[in-house]
Amino acid sequence: AFIALVRSLSIDIVKVNGHDASNFNTSNSSCDFIKLLVVSAHEINVPVIASHIENSQDWQSVNSFGIDAGQGDLFGQSTIVA
């Protein structure tokens, strides 16, 4: 039922806040939710991106859940486009 609902929403990307990536490994409820989110997104061929990835440890934490891409200072600082 959940996957059918997600499919009906026409989602093309799922973004999670990686700001607390270091806490993913210490909170079972966060881990379980992120894993479910990633698996569900992948079942309908939707990539998952994590924001606020500041260092390689953050990336290793979120990437271990199957997250496809990241944004943050690890990959380059944001710029303002005017």
PDB file of N, CA and C in Angstrom:
ATOM      1  N   ALA A   1       0.833  -1.191   0.000  1.00  0.00           N
ATOM      2  CA  ALA A   1       0.000   0.000   0.000  1.00  0.00           C
ATOM      3  C   ALA A   1       0.880   1.259   0.000  1.00  0.00           C
ATOM      4  N   PHE A   2       1.963   1.236   0.780  1.00  0.00           N
ATOM      5  CA  PHE A   2       2.842   2.405   0.849  1.00  0.00           C
ATOM      6  C   PHE A   2       3.490   2.680  -0.506  1.00  0.00           C
ATOM      7  N   ILE A   3       3.990   1.623  -1.155  1.00  0.00           N
ATOM      8  CA  ILE A   3       4.645   1.785  -2.462  1.00  0.00           C
ATOM      9  C   ILE A   3       3.647   2.310  -3.487  1.00  0.00           C
ATOM     10  N   ALA A   4       2.415   1.810  -3.466  1.00  0.00           N
ATOM     11  CA  ALA A   4       1.386   2.292  -4.394  1.00  0.00           C
ATOM     12  C   ALA A   4       1.123   3.778  -4.180  1.00  0.00           C
ATOM     13  N   LEU A   5       1.078   4.194  -2.930  1.00  0.00           N
ATOM     14  CA  LEU A   5       0.874   5.610  -2.622  1.00  0.00           C
ATOM     15  C   LEU A   5       2.043   6.444  -3.140  1.00  0.00           C
ATOM     16  N   VAL A   6       3.256   5.988  -2.898  1.00  0.00           N
ATOM     17  CA  VAL A   6       4.441   6.718  -3.360  1.00  0.00           C
ATOM     18  C   VAL A   6       4.438   6.815  -4.886  1.00  0.00           C
ATOM     19  N   ARG A   7       4.124   5.716  -5.564  1.00  0.00           N
ATOM     20  CA  ARG A   7       4.068   5.738  -7.037  1.00  0.00           C
ATOM     21  C   ARG A   7       3.065   6.767  -7.535  1.00  0.00           C
ATOM     22  N   SER A   8       1.954   6.910  -6.858  1.00  0.00           N
ATOM     23  CA  SER A   8       0.903   7.830  -7.299  1.00  0.00           C
ATOM     24  C   SER A   8       1.316   9.295  -7.148  1.00  0.00           C
ATOM     25  N   LEU A   9       2.364   9.569  -6.397  1.00  0.00           N
ATOM     26  CA  LEU A   9       2.793  10.952  -6.160  1.00  0.00           C
ATOM     27  C   LEU A   9       3.750  11.482  -7.216  1.00  0.00           C
ATOM     28  N   SER A  10       4.194  10.646  -8.140  1.00  0.00           N
ATOM     29  CA  SER A  10       5.123  11.055  -9.209  1.00  0.00           C
ATOM     30  C   SER A  10       6.397  11.689  -8.646  1.00  0.00           C
ATOM     31  N   ILE A  11       7.000  11.039  -7.690  1.00  0.00           N
ATOM     32  CA  ILE A  11       8.241  11.519  -7.071  1.00  0.00           C
ATOM     33  C   ILE A  11       9.408  11.188  -7.982  1.00  0.00           C
ATOM     34  N   ASP A  12      10.313  12.161  -8.212  1.00  0.00           N
ATOM     35  CA  ASP A  12      11.469  11.878  -9.058  1.00  0.00           C
ATOM     36  C   ASP A  12      12.788  11.901  -8.302  1.00  0.00           C
ATOM     37  N   ILE A  13      12.779  12.328  -7.045  1.00  0.00           N
ATOM     38  CA  ILE A  13      13.969  12.256  -6.190  1.00  0.00           C
ATOM     39  C   ILE A  13      13.511  12.362  -4.731  1.00  0.00           C
ATOM     40  N   VAL A  14      14.228  11.679  -3.844  1.00  0.00           N
ATOM     41  CA  VAL A  14      13.968  11.781  -2.411  1.00  0.00           C
ATOM     42  C   VAL A  14      15.207  12.379  -1.782  1.00  0.00           C
ATOM     43  N   LYS A  15      15.017  13.397  -0.967  1.00  0.00           N
ATOM     44  CA  LYS A  15      16.143  14.057  -0.321  1.00  0.00           C
ATOM     45  C   LYS A  15      15.993  13.951   1.189  1.00  0.00           C
ATOM     46  N   VAL A  16      17.051  13.500   1.844  1.00  0.00           N
ATOM     47  CA  VAL A  16      17.057  13.417   3.301  1.00  0.00           C
ATOM     48  C   VAL A  16      18.088  14.394   3.843  1.00  0.00           C
ATOM     49  N   ASN A  17      17.828  14.874   5.030  1.00  0.00           N
ATOM     50  CA  ASN A  17      18.743  15.796   5.677  1.00  0.00           C
ATOM     51  C   ASN A  17      19.863  14.991   6.320  1.00  0.00           C
ATOM     52  N   GLY A  18      21.049  15.118   5.816  1.00  0.00           N
ATOM     53  CA  GLY A  18      22.192  14.400   6.352  1.00  0.00           C
ATOM     54  C   GLY A  18      22.835  15.105   7.520  1.00  0.00           C
ATOM     55  N   HIS A  19      22.225  16.210   7.975  1.00  0.00           N
ATOM     56  CA  HIS A  19      22.811  17.023   9.045  1.00  0.00           C
ATOM     57  C   HIS A  19      23.124  16.197  10.283  1.00  0.00           C
ATOM     58  N   ASP A  20      22.285  15.240  10.555  1.00  0.00           N
ATOM     59  CA  ASP A  20      22.506  14.398  11.730  1.00  0.00           C
ATOM     60  C   ASP A  20      23.034  13.028  11.339  1.00  0.00           C
ATOM     61  N   ALA A  21      23.803  12.971  10.274  1.00  0.00           N
ATOM     62  CA  ALA A  21      24.300  11.690   9.768  1.00  0.00           C
ATOM     63  C   ALA A  21      25.067  10.917  10.822  1.00  0.00           C
ATOM     64  N   SER A  22      25.793  11.625  11.656  1.00  0.00           N
ATOM     65  CA  SER A  22      26.563  10.929  12.682  1.00  0.00           C
ATOM     66  C   SER A  22      25.656  10.262  13.707  1.00  0.00           C
ATOM     67  N   ASN A  23      24.402  10.718  13.824  1.00  0.00           N
ATOM     68  CA  ASN A  23      23.455  10.123  14.764  1.00  0.00           C
ATOM     69  C   ASN A  23      22.707   8.931  14.180  1.00  0.00           C
ATOM     70  N   PHE A  24      22.788   8.719  12.851  1.00  0.00           N
ATOM     71  CA  PHE A  24      22.079   7.600  12.241  1.00  0.00           C
ATOM     72  C   PHE A  24      22.518   6.282  12.860  1.00  0.00           C
ATOM     73  N   ASN A  25      23.782   6.160  13.172  1.00  0.00           N
ATOM     74  CA  ASN A  25      24.287   4.900  13.698  1.00  0.00           C
ATOM     75  C   ASN A  25      23.939   4.679  15.164  1.00  0.00           C
ATOM     76  N   THR A  26      23.461   5.715  15.844  1.00  0.00           N
ATOM     77  CA  THR A  26      23.159   5.570  17.265  1.00  0.00           C
ATOM     78  C   THR A  26      21.668   5.524  17.557  1.00  0.00           C
ATOM     79  N   SER A  27      20.840   5.852  16.585  1.00  0.00           N
ATOM     80  CA  SER A  27      19.395   5.859  16.783  1.00  0.00           C
ATOM     81  C   SER A  27      18.746   4.796  15.914  1.00  0.00           C
ATOM     82  N   ASN A  28      18.264   3.735  16.556  1.00  0.00           N
ATOM     83  CA  ASN A  28      17.642   2.653  15.802  1.00  0.00           C
ATOM     84  C   ASN A  28      16.434   3.110  15.009  1.00  0.00           C
ATOM     85  N   SER A  29      15.614   4.006  15.580  1.00  0.00           N
ATOM     86  CA  SER A  29      14.426   4.458  14.859  1.00  0.00           C
ATOM     87  C   SER A  29      14.812   5.271  13.630  1.00  0.00           C
ATOM     88  N   SER A  30      15.851   6.095  13.736  1.00  0.00           N
ATOM     89  CA  SER A  30      16.324   6.847  12.566  1.00  0.00           C
ATOM     90  C   SER A  30      16.877   5.904  11.512  1.00  0.00           C
ATOM     91  N   CYS A  31      17.669   4.937  11.936  1.00  0.00           N
ATOM     92  CA  CYS A  31      18.245   3.962  11.006  1.00  0.00           C
ATOM     93  C   CYS A  31      17.150   3.217  10.270  1.00  0.00           C
ATOM     94  N   ASP A  32      16.178   2.721  11.007  1.00  0.00           N
ATOM     95  CA  ASP A  32      15.101   1.952  10.397  1.00  0.00           C
ATOM     96  C   ASP A  32      14.303   2.794   9.408  1.00  0.00           C
ATOM     97  N   PHE A  33      14.025   4.038   9.771  1.00  0.00           N
ATOM     98  CA  PHE A  33      13.259   4.903   8.878  1.00  0.00           C
ATOM     99  C   PHE A  33      14.036   5.203   7.600  1.00  0.00           C
ATOM    100  N   ILE A  34      15.307   5.558   7.734  1.00  0.00           N
ATOM    101  CA  ILE A  34      16.118   5.863   6.549  1.00  0.00           C
ATOM    102  C   ILE A  34      16.234   4.641   5.654  1.00  0.00           C
ATOM    103  N   LYS A  35      16.456   3.471   6.238  1.00  0.00           N
ATOM    104  CA  LYS A  35      16.541   2.247   5.440  1.00  0.00           C
ATOM    105  C   LYS A  35      15.236   1.995   4.686  1.00  0.00           C
ATOM    106  N   LEU A  36      14.099   2.154   5.352  1.00  0.00           N
ATOM    107  CA  LEU A  36      12.802   1.969   4.707  1.00  0.00           C
ATOM    108  C   LEU A  36      12.605   2.978   3.589  1.00  0.00           C
ATOM    109  N   LEU A  37      12.977   4.211   3.834  1.00  0.00           N
ATOM    110  CA  LEU A  37      12.841   5.263   2.829  1.00  0.00           C
ATOM    111  C   LEU A  37      13.672   4.949   1.592  1.00  0.00           C
ATOM    112  N   VAL A  38      14.920   4.544   1.811  1.00  0.00           N
ATOM    113  CA  VAL A  38      15.812   4.232   0.687  1.00  0.00           C
ATOM    114  C   VAL A  38      15.299   3.025  -0.093  1.00  0.00           C
ATOM    115  N   VAL A  39      14.934   1.971   0.600  1.00  0.00           N
ATOM    116  CA  VAL A  39      14.427   0.767  -0.076  1.00  0.00           C
ATOM    117  C   VAL A  39      13.167   1.094  -0.864  1.00  0.00           C
ATOM    118  N   SER A  40      12.263   1.854  -0.262  1.00  0.00           N
ATOM    119  CA  SER A  40      11.014   2.215  -0.934  1.00  0.00           C
ATOM    120  C   SER A  40      11.274   3.052  -2.179  1.00  0.00           C
ATOM    121  N   ALA A  41      12.163   4.016  -2.060  1.00  0.00           N
ATOM    122  CA  ALA A  41      12.496   4.856  -3.211  1.00  0.00           C
ATOM    123  C   ALA A  41      13.133   4.026  -4.326  1.00  0.00           C
ATOM    124  N   HIS A  42      14.043   3.152  -3.961  1.00  0.00           N
ATOM    125  CA  HIS A  42      14.706   2.330  -4.969  1.00  0.00           C
ATOM    126  C   HIS A  42      13.749   1.351  -5.642  1.00  0.00           C
ATOM    127  N   GLU A  43      12.721   0.897  -4.930  1.00  0.00           N
ATOM    128  CA  GLU A  43      11.738  -0.014  -5.523  1.00  0.00           C
ATOM    129  C   GLU A  43      10.983   0.641  -6.672  1.00  0.00           C
ATOM    130  N   ILE A  44      10.882   1.968  -6.652  1.00  0.00           N
ATOM    131  CA  ILE A  44      10.202   2.666  -7.743  1.00  0.00           C
ATOM    132  C   ILE A  44      11.205   3.468  -8.596  1.00  0.00           C
ATOM    133  N   ASN A  45      12.470   3.050  -8.507  1.00  0.00           N
ATOM    134  CA  ASN A  45      13.556   3.644  -9.319  1.00  0.00           C
ATOM    135  C   ASN A  45      13.725   5.141  -9.102  1.00  0.00           C
ATOM    136  N   VAL A  46      13.646   5.560  -7.845  1.00  0.00           N
ATOM    137  CA  VAL A  46      13.850   6.963  -7.483  1.00  0.00           C
ATOM    138  C   VAL A  46      15.129   7.055  -6.666  1.00  0.00           C
ATOM    139  N   PRO A  47      16.077   7.913  -7.085  1.00  0.00           N
ATOM    140  CA  PRO A  47      17.317   8.063  -6.317  1.00  0.00           C
ATOM    141  C   PRO A  47      17.094   8.835  -5.022  1.00  0.00           C
ATOM    142  N   VAL A  48      17.996   8.598  -4.069  1.00  0.00           N
ATOM    143  CA  VAL A  48      17.939   9.263  -2.765  1.00  0.00           C
ATOM    144  C   VAL A  48      19.219  10.077  -2.592  1.00  0.00           C
ATOM    145  N   ILE A  49      19.055  11.334  -2.200  1.00  0.00           N
ATOM    146  CA  ILE A  49      20.192  12.226  -1.989  1.00  0.00           C
ATOM    147  C   ILE A  49      20.161  12.723  -0.539  1.00  0.00           C
ATOM    148  N   ALA A  50      21.328  12.847   0.064  1.00  0.00           N
ATOM    149  CA  ALA A  50      21.439  13.375   1.427  1.00  0.00           C
ATOM    150  C   ALA A  50      22.111  14.738   1.376  1.00  0.00           C
ATOM    151  N   SER A  51      21.556  15.678   2.114  1.00  0.00           N
ATOM    152  CA  SER A  51      22.152  17.009   2.181  1.00  0.00           C
ATOM    153  C   SER A  51      23.004  17.139   3.439  1.00  0.00           C
ATOM    154  N   HIS A  52      23.749  18.224   3.528  1.00  0.00           N
ATOM    155  CA  HIS A  52      24.577  18.547   4.701  1.00  0.00           C
ATOM    156  C   HIS A  52      25.655  17.495   4.965  1.00  0.00           C
ATOM    157  N   ILE A  53      26.269  16.992   3.920  1.00  0.00           N
ATOM    158  CA  ILE A  53      27.371  16.043   4.077  1.00  0.00           C
ATOM    159  C   ILE A  53      28.648  16.874   4.166  1.00  0.00           C
ATOM    160  N   GLU A  54      29.176  16.984   5.361  1.00  0.00           N
ATOM    161  CA  GLU A  54      30.293  17.896   5.607  1.00  0.00           C
ATOM    162  C   GLU A  54      31.663  17.219   5.570  1.00  0.00           C
ATOM    163  N   ASN A  55      31.715  15.915   5.780  1.00  0.00           N
ATOM    164  CA  ASN A  55      33.005  15.231   5.811  1.00  0.00           C
ATOM    165  C   ASN A  55      32.829  13.779   5.384  1.00  0.00           C
ATOM    166  N   SER A  56      33.929  13.074   5.225  1.00  0.00           N
ATOM    167  CA  SER A  56      33.856  11.694   4.731  1.00  0.00           C
ATOM    168  C   SER A  56      33.148  10.763   5.710  1.00  0.00           C
ATOM    169  N   GLN A  57      33.227  11.053   6.990  1.00  0.00           N
ATOM    170  CA  GLN A  57      32.524  10.225   7.976  1.00  0.00           C
ATOM    171  C   GLN A  57      31.005  10.356   7.801  1.00  0.00           C
ATOM    172  N   ASP A  58      30.519  11.590   7.558  1.00  0.00           N
ATOM    173  CA  ASP A  58      29.089  11.787   7.279  1.00  0.00           C
ATOM    174  C   ASP A  58      28.682  10.982   6.056  1.00  0.00           C
ATOM    175  N   TRP A  59      29.494  11.065   4.989  1.00  0.00           N
ATOM    176  CA  TRP A  59      29.164  10.359   3.758  1.00  0.00           C
ATOM    177  C   TRP A  59      29.144   8.844   3.978  1.00  0.00           C
ATOM    178  N   GLN A  60      30.124   8.323   4.700  1.00  0.00           N
ATOM    179  CA  GLN A  60      30.150   6.879   4.964  1.00  0.00           C
ATOM    180  C   GLN A  60      28.902   6.455   5.729  1.00  0.00           C
ATOM    181  N   SER A  61      28.462   7.274   6.671  1.00  0.00           N
ATOM    182  CA  SER A  61      27.265   6.942   7.454  1.00  0.00           C
ATOM    183  C   SER A  61      26.029   6.860   6.571  1.00  0.00           C
ATOM    184  N   VAL A  62      25.770   7.886   5.769  1.00  0.00           N
ATOM    185  CA  VAL A  62      24.559   7.881   4.953  1.00  0.00           C
ATOM    186  C   VAL A  62      24.674   6.913   3.774  1.00  0.00           C
ATOM    187  N   ASN A  63      25.859   6.774   3.228  1.00  0.00           N
ATOM    188  CA  ASN A  63      26.049   5.875   2.092  1.00  0.00           C
ATOM    189  C   ASN A  63      25.838   4.418   2.493  1.00  0.00           C
ATOM    190  N   SER A  64      26.103   4.083   3.742  1.00  0.00           N
ATOM    191  CA  SER A  64      25.904   2.709   4.204  1.00  0.00           C
ATOM    192  C   SER A  64      24.428   2.308   4.170  1.00  0.00           C
ATOM    193  N   PHE A  65      23.530   3.290   4.081  1.00  0.00           N
ATOM    194  CA  PHE A  65      22.100   3.015   3.981  1.00  0.00           C
ATOM    195  C   PHE A  65      21.649   2.878   2.529  1.00  0.00           C
ATOM    196  N   GLY A  66      22.573   3.029   1.589  1.00  0.00           N
ATOM    197  CA  GLY A  66      22.223   2.906   0.180  1.00  0.00           C
ATOM    198  C   GLY A  66      21.864   4.222  -0.479  1.00  0.00           C
ATOM    199  N   ILE A  67      22.133   5.321   0.191  1.00  0.00           N
ATOM    200  CA  ILE A  67      21.848   6.633  -0.391  1.00  0.00           C
ATOM    201  C   ILE A  67      22.747   6.836  -1.605  1.00  0.00           C
ATOM    202  N   ASP A  68      22.161   7.371  -2.667  1.00  0.00           N
ATOM    203  CA  ASP A  68      22.827   7.440  -3.965  1.00  0.00           C
ATOM    204  C   ASP A  68      23.762   8.625  -4.151  1.00  0.00           C
ATOM    205  N   ALA A  69      23.459   9.754  -3.532  1.00  0.00           N
ATOM    206  CA  ALA A  69      24.241  10.963  -3.773  1.00  0.00           C
ATOM    207  C   ALA A  69      24.213  11.847  -2.537  1.00  0.00           C
ATOM    208  N   GLY A  70      25.119  12.816  -2.509  1.00  0.00           N
ATOM    209  CA  GLY A  70      25.182  13.724  -1.382  1.00  0.00           C
ATOM    210  C   GLY A  70      25.450  15.145  -1.806  1.00  0.00           C
ATOM    211  N   GLN A  71      25.071  16.061  -0.951  1.00  0.00           N
ATOM    212  CA  GLN A  71      25.347  17.478  -1.117  1.00  0.00           C
ATOM    213  C   GLN A  71      25.969  17.972   0.172  1.00  0.00           C
ATOM    214  N   GLY A  72      26.881  18.904   0.056  1.00  0.00           N
ATOM    215  CA  GLY A  72      27.473  19.495   1.255  1.00  0.00           C
ATOM    216  C   GLY A  72      28.911  19.881   1.019  1.00  0.00           C
ATOM    217  N   ASP A  73      29.536  20.384   2.059  1.00  0.00           N
ATOM    218  CA  ASP A  73      30.895  20.895   1.952  1.00  0.00           C
ATOM    219  C   ASP A  73      31.907  19.834   1.514  1.00  0.00           C
ATOM    220  N   LEU A  74      31.626  18.567   1.801  1.00  0.00           N
ATOM    221  CA  LEU A  74      32.537  17.511   1.343  1.00  0.00           C
ATOM    222  C   LEU A  74      32.682  17.541  -0.175  1.00  0.00           C
ATOM    223  N   PHE A  75      31.609  17.888  -0.865  1.00  0.00           N
ATOM    224  CA  PHE A  75      31.577  17.867  -2.329  1.00  0.00           C
ATOM    225  C   PHE A  75      31.810  19.240  -2.951  1.00  0.00           C
ATOM    226  N   GLY A  76      31.817  20.281  -2.142  1.00  0.00           N
ATOM    227  CA  GLY A  76      32.010  21.643  -2.645  1.00  0.00           C
ATOM    228  C   GLY A  76      31.051  22.594  -1.966  1.00  0.00           C
ATOM    229  N   GLN A  77      31.503  23.791  -1.738  1.00  0.00           N
ATOM    230  CA  GLN A  77      30.661  24.776  -1.051  1.00  0.00           C
ATOM    231  C   GLN A  77      29.599  25.315  -1.997  1.00  0.00           C
ATOM    232  N   SER A  78      28.461  25.648  -1.424  1.00  0.00           N
ATOM    233  CA  SER A  78      27.359  26.222  -2.187  1.00  0.00           C
ATOM    234  C   SER A  78      27.724  27.607  -2.680  1.00  0.00           C
ATOM    235  N   THR A  79      27.141  27.975  -3.801  1.00  0.00           N
ATOM    236  CA  THR A  79      27.345  29.323  -4.333  1.00  0.00           C
ATOM    237  C   THR A  79      25.990  29.948  -4.589  1.00  0.00           C
ATOM    238  N   ILE A  80      25.948  31.262  -4.510  1.00  0.00           N
ATOM    239  CA  ILE A  80      24.715  32.008  -4.788  1.00  0.00           C
ATOM    240  C   ILE A  80      24.742  32.411  -6.256  1.00  0.00           C
ATOM    241  N   VAL A  81      23.679  32.071  -6.935  1.00  0.00           N
ATOM    242  CA  VAL A  81      23.552  32.427  -8.353  1.00  0.00           C
ATOM    243  C   VAL A  81      22.569  33.579  -8.438  1.00  0.00           C
ATOM    244  N   ALA A  82      23.044  34.689  -8.997  1.00  0.00           N
ATOM    245  CA  ALA A  82      22.161  35.862  -9.082  1.00  0.00           C
ATOM    246  C   ALA A  82      21.687  36.072 -10.491  1.00  0.00           C
TER     247      ALA A  82
END
